[in-house]
Amino acid sequence: MAEERFIALDAERLAGRRFPYQEDVSLVEDVDLLAATPGEDLNWLEDVTLLEEDGMPAVFDRYSNSFLKIYFAIPEGREDELARKVLVKHLQSGSSYGIRLKEQHAKFAQPELGPWVEESKTVGADWKAPVLEGWEPPEGH
């Protein structure tokens, strides 16, 4: 059997499932983008726009380097707003694959769910390089 190869990964493939907020606009309507944005600098959010992946509307999650497809109808004129709301909901829920990896791989103290969620637990404060069991460095190193 030939190995299946993917050129691009989407959030669904990384998680092994779809998320309800990808399919139901009512689950993101209450996302307050200003309240969810840390500080007063909205520059990062201004860069988030509605894109297309595999012929579907999508938003790019830079934390997992994947596209999050959007399956609900997007009213004209609300494209970027709804893409931003879906992304923020994804990040706040901890469903982003990149955020899920933080606990194990973060090398400095940071909020697990990022600055988008108040009182998010801190991860990375006690990071130690992983050690491969049974491995010894070569002599002379």
Protein backbone atom coordinates (compact mmCIF):
# COMPACT_ATOMS: atom_id res chain seq x y z
CA MET A 1 0.00 0.00 0.00
CA ALA A 2 1.37 3.41 -0.97
CA GLU A 3 2.07 5.91 1.77
CA GLU A 4 -0.46 8.75 1.88
CA ARG A 5 1.24 12.13 1.56
CA PHE A 6 -0.13 15.56 2.34
CA ILE A 7 1.07 18.84 0.92
CA ALA A 8 -0.74 20.92 3.51
CA LEU A 9 -2.12 20.09 6.92
CA ASP A 10 -5.31 21.44 8.31
CA ALA A 11 -6.37 21.72 11.93
CA GLU A 12 -8.87 18.88 11.53
CA ARG A 13 -6.18 16.43 10.43
CA LEU A 14 -3.92 17.43 13.34
CA ALA A 15 -6.73 17.06 15.88
CA GLY A 16 -8.45 14.12 14.24
CA ARG A 17 -11.81 15.88 14.32
CA ARG A 18 -13.77 19.02 13.42
CA PHE A 19 -14.63 21.62 16.00
CA PRO A 20 -18.22 22.84 16.49
CA TYR A 21 -17.26 26.49 15.92
CA GLN A 22 -16.12 25.58 12.38
CA GLU A 23 -19.68 24.66 11.47
CA ASP A 24 -21.91 27.01 13.48
CA VAL A 25 -21.55 30.78 13.22
CA SER A 26 -23.62 31.23 16.39
CA LEU A 27 -20.73 29.72 18.39
CA VAL A 28 -18.39 32.57 17.41
CA GLU A 29 -20.79 35.52 17.25
CA ASP A 30 -20.17 36.36 20.92
CA VAL A 31 -16.36 36.48 20.56
CA ASP A 32 -15.30 39.99 21.52
CA LEU A 33 -12.21 40.61 19.42
CA LEU A 34 -11.16 43.70 21.36
CA ALA A 35 -11.51 41.97 24.73
CA ALA A 36 -9.70 38.88 23.44
CA THR A 37 -6.75 40.88 22.13
CA PRO A 38 -3.95 41.38 24.64
CA GLY A 39 -2.89 44.96 25.21
CA GLU A 40 -3.97 47.73 22.91
CA ASP A 41 -2.02 46.54 19.88
CA LEU A 42 -4.33 44.93 17.33
CA ASN A 43 -1.65 44.58 14.64
CA TRP A 44 -1.47 40.79 14.89
CA LEU A 45 -5.23 40.50 14.46
CA GLU A 46 -5.27 42.86 11.48
CA ASP A 47 -3.05 40.36 9.66
CA VAL A 48 -5.66 37.61 10.06
CA THR A 49 -7.85 37.42 6.97
CA LEU A 50 -10.22 34.94 5.42
CA LEU A 51 -8.29 32.65 3.10
CA GLU A 52 -9.14 29.55 1.12
CA GLU A 53 -7.82 26.01 1.57
CA ASP A 54 -8.92 23.07 -0.58
CA GLY A 55 -11.71 25.24 -2.02
CA MET A 56 -13.11 26.05 1.45
CA PRO A 57 -13.05 29.31 3.40
CA ALA A 58 -10.31 29.03 6.03
CA VAL A 59 -8.22 30.96 8.51
CA PHE A 60 -4.53 30.27 9.12
CA ASP A 61 -3.44 29.22 12.61
CA ARG A 62 0.21 30.22 12.80
CA TYR A 63 0.63 28.42 16.12
CA SER A 64 0.19 25.06 14.45
CA ASN A 65 1.06 26.12 10.89
CA SER A 66 -2.28 24.80 9.67
CA PHE A 67 -5.52 25.98 8.14
CA LEU A 68 -8.77 25.94 10.08
CA LYS A 69 -11.56 25.46 7.54
CA ILE A 70 -14.88 27.24 8.02
CA TYR A 71 -18.00 25.34 7.00
CA PHE A 72 -20.77 27.85 7.75
CA ALA A 73 -22.00 30.47 5.29
CA ILE A 74 -20.08 33.72 5.63
CA PRO A 75 -22.12 36.86 4.95
CA GLU A 76 -20.58 39.31 2.51
CA GLY A 77 -18.64 42.04 4.29
CA ARG A 78 -17.94 39.90 7.40
CA GLU A 79 -15.26 37.65 5.90
CA ASP A 80 -12.24 38.84 7.92
CA GLU A 81 -14.27 39.48 11.08
CA LEU A 82 -15.60 35.93 11.17
CA ALA A 83 -12.22 34.43 10.25
CA ARG A 84 -10.72 36.30 13.22
CA LYS A 85 -13.51 35.16 15.54
CA VAL A 86 -13.08 31.51 14.51
CA LEU A 87 -9.32 31.75 15.07
CA VAL A 88 -9.69 33.43 18.47
CA LYS A 89 -12.25 30.82 19.54
CA HIS A 90 -9.83 28.10 18.41
CA LEU A 91 -6.96 29.61 20.38
CA GLN A 92 -9.01 30.32 23.50
CA SER A 93 -10.38 26.77 23.55
CA GLY A 94 -6.89 25.27 23.56
CA SER A 95 -7.74 23.27 20.44
CA SER A 96 -4.87 24.66 18.38
CA TYR A 97 -2.32 21.88 17.96
CA GLY A 98 0.53 24.33 18.54
CA ILE A 99 -0.95 25.41 21.87
CA ARG A 100 -1.54 21.78 22.87
CA LEU A 101 2.21 21.16 22.42
CA LYS A 102 3.24 24.05 24.66
CA GLU A 103 3.13 22.16 27.96
CA GLN A 104 5.73 19.66 26.79
CA HIS A 105 7.86 21.87 24.56
CA ALA A 106 7.71 25.51 25.77
CA LYS A 107 11.24 26.59 26.74
CA PHE A 108 10.27 29.69 28.69
CA ALA A 109 7.42 30.60 31.01
CA GLN A 110 4.29 31.64 29.13
CA PRO A 111 0.51 31.37 29.42
CA GLU A 112 -0.58 28.01 28.00
CA LEU A 113 -3.57 29.46 26.16
CA GLY A 114 -1.69 32.61 25.31
CA PRO A 115 -2.61 36.13 26.30
CA TRP A 116 -6.15 35.59 24.96
CA VAL A 117 -7.33 33.86 28.12
CA GLU A 118 -7.05 35.50 31.52
CA GLU A 119 -5.65 33.29 34.28
CA SER A 120 -4.38 30.66 31.83
CA LYS A 121 -1.93 28.32 33.56
CA THR A 122 1.77 28.97 32.99
CA VAL A 123 3.81 26.39 31.08
CA GLY A 124 7.51 26.23 30.23
CA ALA A 125 8.81 27.57 33.55
CA ASP A 126 10.72 24.37 34.29
CA TRP A 127 11.61 23.07 30.82
CA LYS A 128 14.41 20.54 30.62
CA ALA A 129 15.90 19.14 27.45
CA PRO A 130 14.51 15.67 26.74
CA VAL A 131 16.89 12.79 27.34
CA LEU A 132 16.79 9.72 25.14
CA GLU A 133 16.88 6.73 27.45
CA GLY A 134 20.07 4.67 26.95
CA TRP A 135 21.81 7.30 24.80
CA GLU A 136 25.32 8.37 25.70
CA PRO A 137 27.21 11.15 23.99
CA PRO A 138 30.19 10.02 21.88
CA GLU A 139 33.55 10.05 23.63
CA GLY A 140 35.29 13.37 23.48
CA HIS A 141 32.09 15.45 23.47
